[in-house]
Amino acid sequence: MTGRRKVRASEPTPARPMTAVPPVARRRQAAPLELARALAAARAAEQAAEEGRRTQARAQAAEADAALAARLASQPECAVEAEPEPDRRPLREKARARDGVAEVLLFTVGEERFGIDLAAVEEAIELPPVHHVPEMPTAMDGVITVRGTLTSVYSPRQALGVSHATGACALIFRRRRSRLALIIDDVEDTRMLELAHLRDAPTSAAAGVVLGVIRQDDALCSLIDADALLAACHATSLLELT
């Protein structure tokens, strides 16, 4: 017989004694949970701080907008400059007042230079062949054809007191339903004249037709009233017809 103890099948196996877990081990098991809670709390705090900063920024922007609106409301409104109305006064009225400007067409007759309201002239053309008509007045040189329409042609001698030299050109005017042509020597240019510089015409100038004289390019220019010019041409014709 040996010294070993025989264990019977019916005899229960003795249980191992329970070993107590040290406190350090328990803390190690609880650390991940505490860390997750700490991270969640930190994120919540950071989100709350960010939302607070955004709220503060919105409040500051609203205050700035309100301050700007208050400053704008306290300032007087700037008056919007309206475009000046065009000066529609007749040339004769502006010339008499020596006020305003006039856009004129410059032309020459003989050695004289004249200016006439550009809006009164329908066109300037080279003078086509002039056809004489029976018993026409001396102030009338004849008729020309302008785009298929017969147009009376007048000399400037009676109305302006000067005779043309070459008579190479003509100014076309429309008077009511008819056209009228005035023989001139040349067309120069269009200019804007300051009527404040207009001076009285010499006494020898055509009465009622010349509004005054103004210096242009070291030469005197006589400013013509278109209505008075055309009226003088027609009046001369009527007088000579009687």
C-alpha atoms as a PDB file:
ATOM      1  CA  MET A   1       0.000   0.000   0.000  1.00  0.00           C
ATOM      2  CA  THR A   2       1.288   3.391  -0.894  1.00  0.00           C
ATOM      3  CA  GLY A   3       0.790   6.644   0.991  1.00  0.00           C
ATOM      4  CA  ARG A   4      -1.594   8.094  -1.647  1.00  0.00           C
ATOM      5  CA  ARG A   5      -5.105   8.712  -0.649  1.00  0.00           C
ATOM      6  CA  LYS A   6      -7.701   7.177  -2.773  1.00  0.00           C
ATOM      7  CA  VAL A   7     -10.590   9.340  -3.768  1.00  0.00           C
ATOM      8  CA  ARG A   8     -13.842   7.758  -4.147  1.00  0.00           C
ATOM      9  CA  ALA A   9     -16.077   8.610  -7.056  1.00  0.00           C
ATOM     10  CA  SER A  10     -18.880   9.663  -4.805  1.00  0.00           C
ATOM     11  CA  GLU A  11     -16.726  12.036  -2.839  1.00  0.00           C
ATOM     12  CA  PRO A  12     -17.040  15.703  -4.014  1.00  0.00           C
ATOM     13  CA  THR A  13     -14.029  17.624  -5.243  1.00  0.00           C
ATOM     14  CA  PRO A  14     -13.050  20.250  -2.790  1.00  0.00           C
ATOM     15  CA  ALA A  15     -13.667  23.833  -4.150  1.00  0.00           C
ATOM     16  CA  ARG A  16     -10.805  26.268  -4.467  1.00  0.00           C
ATOM     17  CA  PRO A  17     -10.916  29.135  -2.087  1.00  0.00           C
ATOM     18  CA  MET A  18     -12.061  32.593  -3.664  1.00  0.00           C
ATOM     19  CA  THR A  19      -9.275  35.050  -4.109  1.00  0.00           C
ATOM     20  CA  ALA A  20     -10.205  38.667  -3.332  1.00  0.00           C
ATOM     21  CA  VAL A  21      -9.672  41.230  -6.192  1.00  0.00           C
ATOM     22  CA  PRO A  22      -7.306  43.974  -5.115  1.00  0.00           C
ATOM     23  CA  PRO A  23      -8.641  47.595  -5.086  1.00  0.00           C
ATOM     24  CA  VAL A  24      -6.202  48.561  -7.843  1.00  0.00           C
ATOM     25  CA  ALA A  25      -7.728  46.007 -10.200  1.00  0.00           C
ATOM     26  CA  ARG A  26     -11.203  47.403  -9.533  1.00  0.00           C
ATOM     27  CA  ARG A  27     -10.033  50.921 -10.379  1.00  0.00           C
ATOM     28  CA  ARG A  28      -8.499  49.681 -13.630  1.00  0.00           C
ATOM     29  CA  GLN A  29     -11.811  48.141 -14.693  1.00  0.00           C
ATOM     30  CA  ALA A  30     -13.740  51.367 -13.916  1.00  0.00           C
ATOM     31  CA  ALA A  31     -11.282  53.703 -15.742  1.00  0.00           C
ATOM     32  CA  PRO A  32     -12.716  53.370 -19.356  1.00  0.00           C
ATOM     33  CA  LEU A  33     -16.237  54.245 -18.217  1.00  0.00           C
ATOM     34  CA  GLU A  34     -15.063  57.274 -16.245  1.00  0.00           C
ATOM     35  CA  LEU A  35     -12.953  58.445 -19.218  1.00  0.00           C
ATOM     36  CA  ALA A  36     -15.942  58.222 -21.597  1.00  0.00           C
ATOM     37  CA  ARG A  37     -18.056  60.212 -19.196  1.00  0.00           C
ATOM     38  CA  ALA A  38     -15.334  62.836 -18.861  1.00  0.00           C
ATOM     39  CA  LEU A  39     -14.942  63.140 -22.640  1.00  0.00           C
ATOM     40  CA  ALA A  40     -18.708  63.483 -23.106  1.00  0.00           C
ATOM     41  CA  ALA A  41     -18.838  66.201 -20.464  1.00  0.00           C
ATOM     42  CA  ALA A  42     -15.916  68.036 -22.100  1.00  0.00           C
ATOM     43  CA  ARG A  43     -17.575  67.900 -25.523  1.00  0.00           C
ATOM     44  CA  ALA A  44     -20.854  69.170 -24.066  1.00  0.00           C
ATOM     45  CA  ALA A  45     -19.011  72.028 -22.377  1.00  0.00           C
ATOM     46  CA  GLU A  46     -17.181  72.876 -25.589  1.00  0.00           C
ATOM     47  CA  GLN A  47     -20.433  72.875 -27.599  1.00  0.00           C
ATOM     48  CA  ALA A  48     -22.084  75.075 -25.013  1.00  0.00           C
ATOM     49  CA  ALA A  49     -19.143  77.492 -25.145  1.00  0.00           C
ATOM     50  CA  GLU A  50     -19.254  77.581 -28.978  1.00  0.00           C
ATOM     51  CA  GLU A  51     -22.977  78.218 -28.973  1.00  0.00           C
ATOM     52  CA  GLY A  52     -22.408  81.006 -26.475  1.00  0.00           C
ATOM     53  CA  ARG A  53     -19.777  82.585 -28.707  1.00  0.00           C
ATOM     54  CA  ARG A  54     -22.111  82.387 -31.723  1.00  0.00           C
ATOM     55  CA  THR A  55     -24.948  83.958 -29.749  1.00  0.00           C
ATOM     56  CA  GLN A  56     -22.649  86.745 -28.605  1.00  0.00           C
ATOM     57  CA  ALA A  57     -21.427  87.341 -32.201  1.00  0.00           C
ATOM     58  CA  ARG A  58     -25.011  87.546 -33.475  1.00  0.00           C
ATOM     59  CA  ALA A  59     -25.886  89.981 -30.725  1.00  0.00           C
ATOM     60  CA  GLN A  60     -22.872  92.161 -31.542  1.00  0.00           C
ATOM     61  CA  ALA A  61     -23.746  92.145 -35.273  1.00  0.00           C
ATOM     62  CA  ALA A  62     -27.325  93.132 -34.486  1.00  0.00           C
ATOM     63  CA  GLU A  63     -26.088  95.981 -32.286  1.00  0.00           C
ATOM     64  CA  ALA A  64     -23.746  97.187 -35.051  1.00  0.00           C
ATOM     65  CA  ASP A  65     -26.561  97.127 -37.601  1.00  0.00           C
ATOM     66  CA  ALA A  66     -28.830  99.046 -35.260  1.00  0.00           C
ATOM     67  CA  ALA A  67     -26.129 101.642 -34.599  1.00  0.00           C
ATOM     68  CA  LEU A  68     -25.504 102.076 -38.352  1.00  0.00           C
ATOM     69  CA  ALA A  69     -29.226 102.452 -39.032  1.00  0.00           C
ATOM     70  CA  ALA A  70     -29.473 105.044 -36.270  1.00  0.00           C
ATOM     71  CA  ARG A  71     -26.563 107.049 -37.741  1.00  0.00           C
ATOM     72  CA  LEU A  72     -28.055 106.941 -41.221  1.00  0.00           C
ATOM     73  CA  ALA A  73     -31.440 107.993 -39.899  1.00  0.00           C
ATOM     74  CA  SER A  74     -29.909 110.940 -38.044  1.00  0.00           C
ATOM     75  CA  GLN A  75     -28.097 112.232 -41.145  1.00  0.00           C
ATOM     76  CA  PRO A  76     -29.995 114.485 -43.603  1.00  0.00           C
ATOM     77  CA  GLU A  77     -30.941 112.823 -46.845  1.00  0.00           C
ATOM     78  CA  CYS A  78     -28.763 113.758 -49.783  1.00  0.00           C
ATOM     79  CA  ALA A  79     -30.762 115.512 -52.423  1.00  0.00           C
ATOM     80  CA  VAL A  80     -30.572 113.771 -55.783  1.00  0.00           C
ATOM     81  CA  GLU A  81     -29.503 116.220 -58.431  1.00  0.00           C
ATOM     82  CA  ALA A  82     -32.036 116.225 -61.203  1.00  0.00           C
ATOM     83  CA  GLU A  83     -30.906 116.612 -64.769  1.00  0.00           C
ATOM     84  CA  PRO A  84     -31.286 120.210 -65.883  1.00  0.00           C
ATOM     85  CA  GLU A  85     -34.188 120.895 -68.169  1.00  0.00           C
ATOM     86  CA  PRO A  86     -33.166 121.793 -71.716  1.00  0.00           C
ATOM     87  CA  ASP A  87     -33.367 125.492 -72.474  1.00  0.00           C
ATOM     88  CA  ARG A  88     -36.242 125.720 -74.948  1.00  0.00           C
ATOM     89  CA  ARG A  89     -36.390 129.503 -75.124  1.00  0.00           C
ATOM     90  CA  PRO A  90     -36.320 130.983 -78.611  1.00  0.00           C
ATOM     91  CA  LEU A  91     -32.900 132.107 -79.779  1.00  0.00           C
ATOM     92  CA  ARG A  92     -34.070 135.702 -80.015  1.00  0.00           C
ATOM     93  CA  GLU A  93     -35.127 135.680 -76.346  1.00  0.00           C
ATOM     94  CA  LYS A  94     -31.835 134.174 -75.164  1.00  0.00           C
ATOM     95  CA  ALA A  95     -29.853 136.604 -77.320  1.00  0.00           C
ATOM     96  CA  ARG A  96     -31.775 139.565 -75.932  1.00  0.00           C
ATOM     97  CA  ALA A  97     -31.113 138.374 -72.361  1.00  0.00           C
ATOM     98  CA  ARG A  98     -27.461 137.557 -73.171  1.00  0.00           C
ATOM     99  CA  ASP A  99     -28.009 134.302 -71.348  1.00  0.00           C
ATOM    100  CA  GLY A 100     -27.560 130.611 -72.124  1.00  0.00           C
ATOM    101  CA  VAL A 101     -25.893 128.864 -75.031  1.00  0.00           C
ATOM    102  CA  ALA A 102     -26.868 128.300 -78.648  1.00  0.00           C
ATOM    103  CA  GLU A 103     -25.834 125.520 -81.004  1.00  0.00           C
ATOM    104  CA  VAL A 104     -25.375 127.208 -84.346  1.00  0.00           C
ATOM    105  CA  LEU A 105     -24.345 126.337 -87.884  1.00  0.00           C
ATOM    106  CA  LEU A 106     -21.612 128.602 -89.209  1.00  0.00           C
ATOM    107  CA  PHE A 107     -21.670 129.580 -92.882  1.00  0.00           C
ATOM    108  CA  THR A 108     -20.215 132.259 -95.106  1.00  0.00           C
ATOM    109  CA  VAL A 109     -21.718 134.609 -97.648  1.00  0.00           C
ATOM    110  CA  GLY A 110     -19.118 136.635 -99.488  1.00  0.00           C
ATOM    111  CA  GLU A 111     -16.588 137.714 -96.893  1.00  0.00           C
ATOM    112  CA  GLU A 112     -19.076 137.644 -94.022  1.00  0.00           C
ATOM    113  CA  ARG A 113     -19.497 134.861 -91.491  1.00  0.00           C
ATOM    114  CA  PHE A 114     -22.905 134.045 -90.055  1.00  0.00           C
ATOM    115  CA  GLY A 115     -24.315 131.698 -87.470  1.00  0.00           C
ATOM    116  CA  ILE A 116     -27.871 130.359 -87.436  1.00  0.00           C
ATOM    117  CA  ASP A 117     -29.752 128.119 -85.030  1.00  0.00           C
ATOM    118  CA  LEU A 118     -28.847 124.562 -86.044  1.00  0.00           C
ATOM    119  CA  ALA A 119     -32.327 123.253 -85.218  1.00  0.00           C
ATOM    120  CA  ALA A 120     -33.856 125.669 -87.751  1.00  0.00           C
ATOM    121  CA  VAL A 121     -31.885 124.246 -90.685  1.00  0.00           C
ATOM    122  CA  GLU A 122     -33.241 121.130 -92.331  1.00  0.00           C
ATOM    123  CA  GLU A 123     -30.054 120.445 -94.277  1.00  0.00           C
ATOM    124  CA  ALA A 124     -27.121 122.029 -96.119  1.00  0.00           C
ATOM    125  CA  ILE A 125     -26.550 120.935 -99.718  1.00  0.00           C
ATOM    126  CA  GLU A 126     -24.446 121.717-102.732  1.00  0.00           C
ATOM    127  CA  LEU A 127     -26.533 123.976-104.901  1.00  0.00           C
ATOM    128  CA  PRO A 128     -27.970 122.026-107.848  1.00  0.00           C
ATOM    129  CA  PRO A 129     -28.839 123.724-111.161  1.00  0.00           C
ATOM    130  CA  VAL A 130     -31.243 126.632-110.592  1.00  0.00           C
ATOM    131  CA  HIS A 131     -34.171 126.952-112.985  1.00  0.00           C
ATOM    132  CA  HIS A 132     -35.584 130.427-113.553  1.00  0.00           C
ATOM    133  CA  VAL A 133     -39.321 130.885-113.674  1.00  0.00           C
ATOM    134  CA  PRO A 134     -41.243 133.638-115.480  1.00  0.00           C
ATOM    135  CA  GLU A 135     -42.015 136.848-113.597  1.00  0.00           C
ATOM    136  CA  MET A 136     -40.211 135.815-110.431  1.00  0.00           C
ATOM    137  CA  PRO A 137     -39.185 138.559-107.945  1.00  0.00           C
ATOM    138  CA  THR A 138     -35.616 139.807-107.969  1.00  0.00           C
ATOM    139  CA  ALA A 139     -34.881 138.351-104.512  1.00  0.00           C
ATOM    140  CA  MET A 140     -35.783 134.918-105.867  1.00  0.00           C
ATOM    141  CA  ASP A 141     -33.147 133.235-108.020  1.00  0.00           C
ATOM    142  CA  GLY A 142     -35.403 130.438-109.223  1.00  0.00           C
ATOM    143  CA  VAL A 143     -36.292 126.919-108.150  1.00  0.00           C
ATOM    144  CA  ILE A 144     -34.315 123.749-107.546  1.00  0.00           C
ATOM    145  CA  THR A 145     -35.348 120.143-107.123  1.00  0.00           C
ATOM    146  CA  VAL A 146     -34.631 118.657-103.694  1.00  0.00           C
ATOM    147  CA  ARG A 147     -35.478 114.946-103.574  1.00  0.00           C
ATOM    148  CA  GLY A 148     -38.185 115.353-106.167  1.00  0.00           C
ATOM    149  CA  THR A 149     -39.717 118.486-104.648  1.00  0.00           C
ATOM    150  CA  LEU A 150     -39.535 121.957-106.197  1.00  0.00           C
ATOM    151  CA  THR A 151     -37.956 124.404-103.748  1.00  0.00           C
ATOM    152  CA  SER A 152     -37.795 128.181-104.076  1.00  0.00           C
ATOM    153  CA  VAL A 153     -34.268 129.613-103.998  1.00  0.00           C
ATOM    154  CA  TYR A 154     -33.554 133.077-102.564  1.00  0.00           C
ATOM    155  CA  SER A 155     -30.527 135.312-102.618  1.00  0.00           C
ATOM    156  CA  PRO A 156     -29.249 136.594 -99.243  1.00  0.00           C
ATOM    157  CA  ARG A 157     -28.750 140.061-100.694  1.00  0.00           C
ATOM    158  CA  GLN A 158     -32.081 141.498 -99.559  1.00  0.00           C
ATOM    159  CA  ALA A 159     -32.330 139.732 -96.177  1.00  0.00           C
ATOM    160  CA  LEU A 160     -28.674 139.912 -95.055  1.00  0.00           C
ATOM    161  CA  GLY A 161     -27.448 142.876 -97.050  1.00  0.00           C
ATOM    162  CA  VAL A 162     -24.613 140.915 -98.649  1.00  0.00           C
ATOM    163  CA  SER A 163     -24.281 139.102-101.977  1.00  0.00           C
ATOM    164  CA  HIS A 164     -22.897 135.613-102.404  1.00  0.00           C
ATOM    165  CA  ALA A 165     -19.668 135.073-104.317  1.00  0.00           C
ATOM    166  CA  THR A 166     -19.596 131.497-105.618  1.00  0.00           C
ATOM    167  CA  GLY A 167     -23.078 130.460-104.511  1.00  0.00           C
ATOM    168  CA  ALA A 168     -21.892 126.867-104.332  1.00  0.00           C
ATOM    169  CA  CYS A 169     -24.136 125.811-101.431  1.00  0.00           C
ATOM    170  CA  ALA A 170     -27.598 126.326-100.059  1.00  0.00           C
ATOM    171  CA  LEU A 171     -29.308 126.034 -96.703  1.00  0.00           C
ATOM    172  CA  ILE A 172     -32.680 124.308 -96.811  1.00  0.00           C
ATOM    173  CA  PHE A 173     -35.385 125.467 -94.418  1.00  0.00           C
ATOM    174  CA  ARG A 174     -38.860 124.068 -93.918  1.00  0.00           C
ATOM    175  CA  ARG A 175     -41.583 126.636 -93.397  1.00  0.00           C
ATOM    176  CA  ARG A 176     -44.937 125.097 -92.707  1.00  0.00           C
ATOM    177  CA  ARG A 177     -45.574 122.725 -95.624  1.00  0.00           C
ATOM    178  CA  SER A 178     -43.038 124.181 -98.056  1.00  0.00           C
ATOM    179  CA  ARG A 179     -39.260 124.344 -98.328  1.00  0.00           C
ATOM    180  CA  LEU A 180     -37.099 127.386 -98.923  1.00  0.00           C
ATOM    181  CA  ALA A 181     -33.438 127.488 -99.961  1.00  0.00           C
ATOM    182  CA  LEU A 182     -30.993 130.312 -99.211  1.00  0.00           C
ATOM    183  CA  ILE A 183     -27.904 130.578-101.399  1.00  0.00           C
ATOM    184  CA  ILE A 184     -24.613 130.713 -99.473  1.00  0.00           C
ATOM    185  CA  ASP A 185     -20.973 130.267-100.356  1.00  0.00           C
ATOM    186  CA  ASP A 186     -19.802 127.657 -97.860  1.00  0.00           C
ATOM    187  CA  VAL A 187     -20.715 125.758 -94.691  1.00  0.00           C
ATOM    188  CA  GLU A 188     -18.029 125.780 -92.004  1.00  0.00           C
ATOM    189  CA  ASP A 189     -18.943 123.969 -88.795  1.00  0.00           C
ATOM    190  CA  THR A 190     -21.314 123.712 -85.854  1.00  0.00           C
ATOM    191  CA  ARG A 191     -20.443 125.528 -82.630  1.00  0.00           C
ATOM    192  CA  MET A 192     -21.787 126.113 -79.153  1.00  0.00           C
ATOM    193  CA  LEU A 193     -21.882 129.844 -78.533  1.00  0.00           C
ATOM    194  CA  GLU A 194     -21.963 131.431 -75.079  1.00  0.00           C
ATOM    195  CA  LEU A 195     -24.529 134.171 -75.540  1.00  0.00           C
ATOM    196  CA  ALA A 196     -23.061 136.147 -72.656  1.00  0.00           C
ATOM    197  CA  HIS A 197     -20.332 137.189 -75.128  1.00  0.00           C
ATOM    198  CA  LEU A 198     -22.833 138.438 -77.709  1.00  0.00           C
ATOM    199  CA  ARG A 199     -22.537 142.113 -78.637  1.00  0.00           C
ATOM    200  CA  ASP A 200     -24.939 144.463 -80.367  1.00  0.00           C
ATOM    201  CA  ALA A 201     -24.919 144.325 -84.131  1.00  0.00           C
ATOM    202  CA  PRO A 202     -23.713 147.346 -86.120  1.00  0.00           C
ATOM    203  CA  THR A 203     -26.405 149.688 -87.289  1.00  0.00           C
ATOM    204  CA  SER A 204     -25.641 148.742 -90.880  1.00  0.00           C
ATOM    205  CA  ALA A 205     -26.648 145.136 -90.265  1.00  0.00           C
ATOM    206  CA  ALA A 206     -29.975 143.860 -91.540  1.00  0.00           C
ATOM    207  CA  ALA A 207     -32.562 145.202 -89.137  1.00  0.00           C
ATOM    208  CA  GLY A 208     -34.433 142.520 -87.207  1.00  0.00           C
ATOM    209  CA  VAL A 209     -32.526 139.625 -88.808  1.00  0.00           C
ATOM    210  CA  VAL A 210     -29.116 139.935 -87.130  1.00  0.00           C
ATOM    211  CA  LEU A 211     -29.396 139.418 -83.354  1.00  0.00           C
ATOM    212  CA  GLY A 212     -25.840 140.445 -82.559  1.00  0.00           C
ATOM    213  CA  VAL A 213     -22.206 139.685 -83.271  1.00  0.00           C
ATOM    214  CA  ILE A 214     -19.780 137.397 -81.456  1.00  0.00           C
ATOM    215  CA  ARG A 215     -16.086 136.737 -81.973  1.00  0.00           C
ATOM    216  CA  GLN A 216     -15.169 133.291 -83.263  1.00  0.00           C
ATOM    217  CA  ASP A 217     -11.611 132.288 -84.236  1.00  0.00           C
ATOM    218  CA  ASP A 218     -10.438 135.910 -84.349  1.00  0.00           C
ATOM    219  CA  ALA A 219     -13.293 136.880 -86.658  1.00  0.00           C
ATOM    220  CA  LEU A 220     -16.693 138.400 -86.069  1.00  0.00           C
ATOM    221  CA  CYS A 221     -19.750 136.215 -86.613  1.00  0.00           C
ATOM    222  CA  SER A 222     -23.261 137.605 -87.015  1.00  0.00           C
ATOM    223  CA  LEU A 223     -25.951 135.599 -85.242  1.00  0.00           C
ATOM    224  CA  ILE A 224     -29.063 135.208 -87.423  1.00  0.00           C
ATOM    225  CA  ASP A 225     -32.687 134.780 -86.374  1.00  0.00           C
ATOM    226  CA  ALA A 226     -33.972 132.065 -88.726  1.00  0.00           C
ATOM    227  CA  ASP A 227     -37.625 133.096 -88.473  1.00  0.00           C
ATOM    228  CA  ALA A 228     -36.793 136.710 -89.248  1.00  0.00           C
ATOM    229  CA  LEU A 229     -34.602 135.620 -92.173  1.00  0.00           C
ATOM    230  CA  LEU A 230     -37.351 133.543 -93.776  1.00  0.00           C
ATOM    231  CA  ALA A 231     -39.933 136.212 -93.096  1.00  0.00           C
ATOM    232  CA  ALA A 232     -37.705 138.796 -94.794  1.00  0.00           C
ATOM    233  CA  CYS A 233     -37.352 136.573 -97.880  1.00  0.00           C
ATOM    234  CA  HIS A 234     -41.113 136.077 -98.138  1.00  0.00           C
ATOM    235  CA  ALA A 235     -41.864 139.730 -97.431  1.00  0.00           C
ATOM    236  CA  THR A 236     -39.503 140.831-100.177  1.00  0.00           C
ATOM    237  CA  SER A 237     -41.162 138.456-102.617  1.00  0.00           C
ATOM    238  CA  LEU A 238     -44.633 139.689-101.765  1.00  0.00           C
ATOM    239  CA  LEU A 239     -43.633 143.331-102.079  1.00  0.00           C
ATOM    240  CA  GLU A 240     -42.057 142.761-105.474  1.00  0.00           C
ATOM    241  CA  LEU A 241     -45.064 140.825-106.703  1.00  0.00           C
ATOM    242  CA  THR A 242     -47.446 143.728-106.002  1.00  0.00           C
END
